[in-house]
């Protein structure tokens, strides 16, 4: 069956996935194209380049974007980035990797961001 305009423009139908970690189960949801685009935009500075801080917060921001409770409400906000950076790396990598797959973000996408950030290390000022 070929999808038409109305099917493609229908409201987002989220997919959910439960991830088992050493500390318990985390529920994740897929994202809309708008949410993914905002995530990518939040990685860039005002000149369209990735800063070290932007790369450092990629995994926490993925988790913030995808982690939800049983009602589908997000359980984290951008205020939780620092706390998520302190999360055990095995746990954060497990969750972030699942988020990445659920969002359709490939390793190539992340490698491209890393290359861009390495090209512009001087842009890591606190005023970004």
Protein backbone atom coordinates (compact mmCIF):
# COMPACT_ATOMS: atom_id res chain seq x y z
CA UNK A 1 0.00 0.00 0.00
CA UNK A 2 1.39 3.36 -1.01
CA UNK A 3 0.98 6.13 1.54
CA UNK A 4 -0.65 9.33 0.46
CA UNK A 5 -0.39 12.89 1.71
CA UNK A 6 -2.97 12.49 4.49
CA UNK A 7 -1.25 9.37 5.86
CA UNK A 8 2.18 10.99 5.84
CA UNK A 9 0.89 14.18 7.49
CA UNK A 10 -1.08 12.35 10.20
CA UNK A 11 -0.03 13.03 13.81
CA UNK A 12 3.12 11.29 14.98
CA UNK A 13 2.59 7.71 16.06
CA UNK A 14 5.29 7.13 18.63
CA UNK A 15 7.17 3.89 18.98
CA UNK A 16 8.22 2.85 22.46
CA UNK A 17 11.04 0.66 23.68
CA UNK A 18 11.98 -0.47 27.17
CA UNK A 19 15.70 -0.69 27.90
CA UNK A 20 16.98 -2.83 30.75
CA UNK A 21 19.91 -1.29 32.59
CA UNK A 22 21.81 -2.36 35.68
CA UNK A 23 19.70 0.05 37.74
CA UNK A 24 16.29 -0.70 36.21
CA UNK A 25 14.10 -0.28 33.15
CA UNK A 26 14.00 2.95 31.15
CA UNK A 27 11.16 3.63 28.70
CA UNK A 28 12.10 5.43 25.48
CA UNK A 29 9.99 6.95 22.73
CA UNK A 30 10.65 7.80 19.11
CA UNK A 31 10.70 11.45 18.08
CA UNK A 32 9.14 13.60 15.40
CA UNK A 33 11.20 15.17 12.62
CA UNK A 34 10.73 18.53 14.38
CA UNK A 35 12.21 17.15 17.61
CA UNK A 36 15.15 15.57 15.81
CA UNK A 37 15.82 18.79 13.87
CA UNK A 38 15.74 20.75 17.14
CA UNK A 39 18.20 18.28 18.67
CA UNK A 40 20.57 18.79 15.73
CA UNK A 41 20.16 22.56 15.91
CA UNK A 42 20.93 22.55 19.64
CA UNK A 43 24.31 20.96 18.84
CA UNK A 44 25.39 23.98 16.80
CA UNK A 45 26.52 27.42 17.84
CA UNK A 46 25.21 30.63 16.25
CA UNK A 47 27.64 30.14 13.34
CA UNK A 48 26.38 26.64 12.57
CA UNK A 49 29.44 24.90 14.00
CA UNK A 50 29.61 22.26 16.72
CA UNK A 51 31.36 23.22 19.95
CA UNK A 52 33.07 20.88 22.41
CA UNK A 53 30.22 21.54 24.84
CA UNK A 54 27.70 20.63 22.13
CA UNK A 55 29.43 17.31 21.50
CA UNK A 56 29.79 16.61 25.20
CA UNK A 57 26.05 16.97 25.73
CA UNK A 58 24.93 14.81 22.78
CA UNK A 59 24.19 11.69 24.82
CA UNK A 60 22.44 13.50 27.68
CA UNK A 61 20.32 15.43 25.18
CA UNK A 62 19.40 12.18 23.38
CA UNK A 63 18.29 10.74 26.71
CA UNK A 64 16.33 13.88 27.58
CA UNK A 65 14.60 13.76 24.20
CA UNK A 66 13.58 10.09 24.44
CA UNK A 67 13.19 9.01 28.08
CA UNK A 68 9.54 9.03 29.15
CA UNK A 69 7.33 7.68 31.91
CA UNK A 70 4.43 5.26 31.41
CA UNK A 71 2.19 8.15 30.27
CA UNK A 72 4.65 9.22 27.58
CA UNK A 73 5.70 12.35 29.49
CA UNK A 74 9.39 13.26 29.37
CA UNK A 75 11.17 12.53 32.61
CA UNK A 76 14.13 14.88 32.07
CA UNK A 77 14.63 18.49 30.98
CA UNK A 78 17.67 20.41 29.77
CA UNK A 79 18.30 21.27 33.44
CA UNK A 80 19.28 17.60 33.90
CA UNK A 81 22.22 17.64 31.45
CA UNK A 82 24.85 17.99 34.18
CA UNK A 83 23.28 15.19 36.23
CA UNK A 84 23.13 12.92 33.20
CA UNK A 85 26.81 13.62 32.52
CA UNK A 86 27.50 12.09 35.94
CA UNK A 87 25.52 8.92 35.17
CA UNK A 88 27.53 5.70 35.00
CA UNK A 89 28.90 5.53 31.45
CA UNK A 90 27.76 1.94 30.86
CA UNK A 91 24.20 2.95 31.69
CA UNK A 92 24.28 6.22 29.74
CA UNK A 93 25.81 4.53 26.67
CA UNK A 94 23.22 1.76 26.73
CA UNK A 95 20.35 4.26 26.91
CA UNK A 96 21.87 6.74 24.44
CA UNK A 97 22.60 3.99 21.90
CA UNK A 98 18.97 2.86 22.06
CA UNK A 99 17.81 6.48 21.71
CA UNK A 100 20.06 6.94 18.71
CA UNK A 101 18.52 3.92 16.95
CA UNK A 102 14.99 4.99 17.86
CA UNK A 103 15.66 8.47 16.42
CA UNK A 104 17.32 7.20 13.24
CA UNK A 105 20.60 8.90 14.09
CA UNK A 106 23.43 6.91 12.51
CA UNK A 107 27.04 6.56 13.58
CA UNK A 108 27.93 8.53 10.46
CA UNK A 109 25.74 11.41 11.67
CA UNK A 110 27.61 11.50 14.98
CA UNK A 111 31.00 11.11 13.30
CA UNK A 112 30.18 14.06 11.05
CA UNK A 113 29.36 16.14 14.14
CA UNK A 114 32.63 15.10 15.78
CA UNK A 115 34.62 16.07 12.69
CA UNK A 116 32.91 19.45 12.66
CA UNK A 117 33.64 20.02 16.36
CA UNK A 118 37.31 19.04 15.97
CA UNK A 119 37.63 21.55 13.15
CA UNK A 120 36.42 24.38 15.40
CA UNK A 121 37.74 23.83 18.95
CA UNK A 122 38.15 27.56 19.58
CA UNK A 123 34.38 28.01 19.65
CA UNK A 124 33.96 26.53 23.13
CA UNK A 125 33.32 29.81 24.90
CA UNK A 126 30.76 30.06 27.70
CA UNK A 127 28.76 32.64 25.75
CA UNK A 128 27.62 30.22 23.01
